[in-house]
Amino acid sequence: MSPAISTDLLSRQFRKVEAVRDLTFKVPKGSLYALLGPNGAGKTTTIHMLMKLLEPSSGRAAVLGVDTRRLGRRSFQRLAMCPKTRSFPVG
């Protein structure tokens, strides 16, 4: 069984700033994990790469067995993300 999330040497650089460097981990299906760290540690950048909102500078990632570069409409029907926000729309 493939993991729910996997990364292999995932990296993202913004000009001279290295936001994520060589991140490798696996999250088994049915488990609960958290990304913890101080501001600027790369948590949001990692999530954005997993959701195909940012392209990695190098490395690979897969969500539900699908390479994030190939995530499409069918994949996103099985995924959800709750972005950081100060308020939620009502009605």
Protein backbone atom coordinates (compact mmCIF):
# COMPACT_ATOMS: atom_id res chain seq x y z
CA MET A 1 0.00 0.00 0.00
CA SER A 2 1.44 3.37 -0.99
CA PRO A 3 1.66 6.09 1.66
CA ALA A 4 -0.89 8.92 1.79
CA ILE A 5 1.92 11.45 1.37
CA SER A 6 5.55 10.93 0.43
CA THR A 7 8.39 13.27 -0.40
CA ASP A 8 11.86 12.52 -1.67
CA LEU A 9 14.52 15.22 -1.42
CA LEU A 10 11.84 17.88 -1.93
CA SER A 11 13.28 21.40 -2.12
CA ARG A 12 12.04 24.89 -2.92
CA GLN A 13 14.15 27.99 -3.36
CA PHE A 14 12.94 31.59 -3.78
CA ARG A 15 15.83 33.45 -5.36
CA LYS A 16 18.55 33.17 -2.68
CA VAL A 17 16.24 31.93 0.09
CA GLU A 18 16.12 28.16 0.58
CA ALA A 19 12.62 27.62 2.02
CA VAL A 20 12.68 23.80 1.99
CA ARG A 21 15.79 21.67 1.53
CA ASP A 22 15.92 17.93 0.79
CA LEU A 23 12.73 17.06 2.71
CA THR A 24 12.07 13.31 2.76
CA PHE A 25 9.21 11.72 4.72
CA LYS A 26 6.26 9.33 4.41
CA VAL A 27 2.83 9.55 6.00
CA PRO A 28 1.08 6.16 6.07
CA LYS A 29 -2.58 6.03 5.08
CA GLY A 30 -4.89 6.31 8.07
CA SER A 31 -2.41 8.22 10.21
CA LEU A 32 -2.36 11.77 11.52
CA TYR A 33 0.75 13.92 11.26
CA ALA A 34 1.52 17.60 11.87
CA LEU A 35 4.15 19.94 10.48
CA LEU A 36 5.57 21.87 13.43
CA GLY A 37 8.19 24.56 13.48
CA PRO A 38 8.87 28.26 13.84
CA ASN A 39 7.78 30.87 11.32
CA GLY A 40 9.87 30.56 8.19
CA ALA A 41 10.61 26.85 8.67
CA GLY A 42 8.96 25.89 5.35
CA LYS A 43 5.69 24.37 6.59
CA THR A 44 3.39 26.39 4.31
CA THR A 45 5.76 26.06 1.37
CA THR A 46 5.72 22.27 1.83
CA ILE A 47 1.90 22.15 1.91
CA HIS A 48 1.73 24.37 -1.18
CA MET A 49 4.05 22.01 -3.05
CA LEU A 50 1.96 19.01 -1.97
CA MET A 51 -1.20 20.73 -3.25
CA LYS A 52 0.42 21.75 -6.57
CA LEU A 53 0.19 25.45 -5.71
CA LEU A 54 4.00 25.73 -5.97
CA GLU A 55 6.42 23.79 -8.13
CA PRO A 56 9.35 22.26 -6.26
CA SER A 57 12.81 23.48 -7.27
CA SER A 58 13.93 19.86 -7.03
CA GLY A 59 12.87 16.51 -5.65
CA ARG A 60 9.54 14.70 -5.81
CA ALA A 61 6.32 14.40 -3.87
CA ALA A 62 3.24 12.19 -4.14
CA VAL A 63 -0.20 12.50 -2.58
CA LEU A 64 -2.51 9.46 -2.49
CA GLY A 65 -0.09 7.67 -4.79
CA VAL A 66 -0.13 10.41 -7.46
CA ASP A 67 2.96 12.44 -8.31
CA THR A 68 2.07 16.03 -7.38
CA ARG A 69 3.12 17.22 -10.85
CA ARG A 70 0.27 15.09 -12.23
CA LEU A 71 -2.47 16.02 -9.74
CA GLY A 72 -5.66 16.79 -11.61
CA ARG A 73 -9.37 17.24 -11.10
CA ARG A 74 -9.97 13.62 -9.99
CA SER A 75 -7.18 13.82 -7.43
CA PHE A 76 -8.45 17.09 -5.99
CA GLN A 77 -11.89 15.57 -5.47
CA ARG A 78 -10.23 13.46 -2.76
CA LEU A 79 -8.13 16.24 -1.17
CA ALA A 80 -8.90 19.24 0.99
CA MET A 81 -6.87 22.10 2.35
CA CYS A 82 -7.93 24.66 4.93
CA PRO A 83 -5.72 27.70 4.36
CA LYS A 84 -4.74 30.03 7.15
CA THR A 85 -7.31 32.83 7.35
CA ARG A 86 -8.54 35.26 9.96
CA SER A 87 -12.20 34.91 9.06
CA PHE A 88 -14.51 32.57 7.21
CA PRO A 89 -17.23 33.69 4.82
CA VAL A 90 -20.73 33.33 6.25
CA GLY A 91 -23.78 32.22 4.24
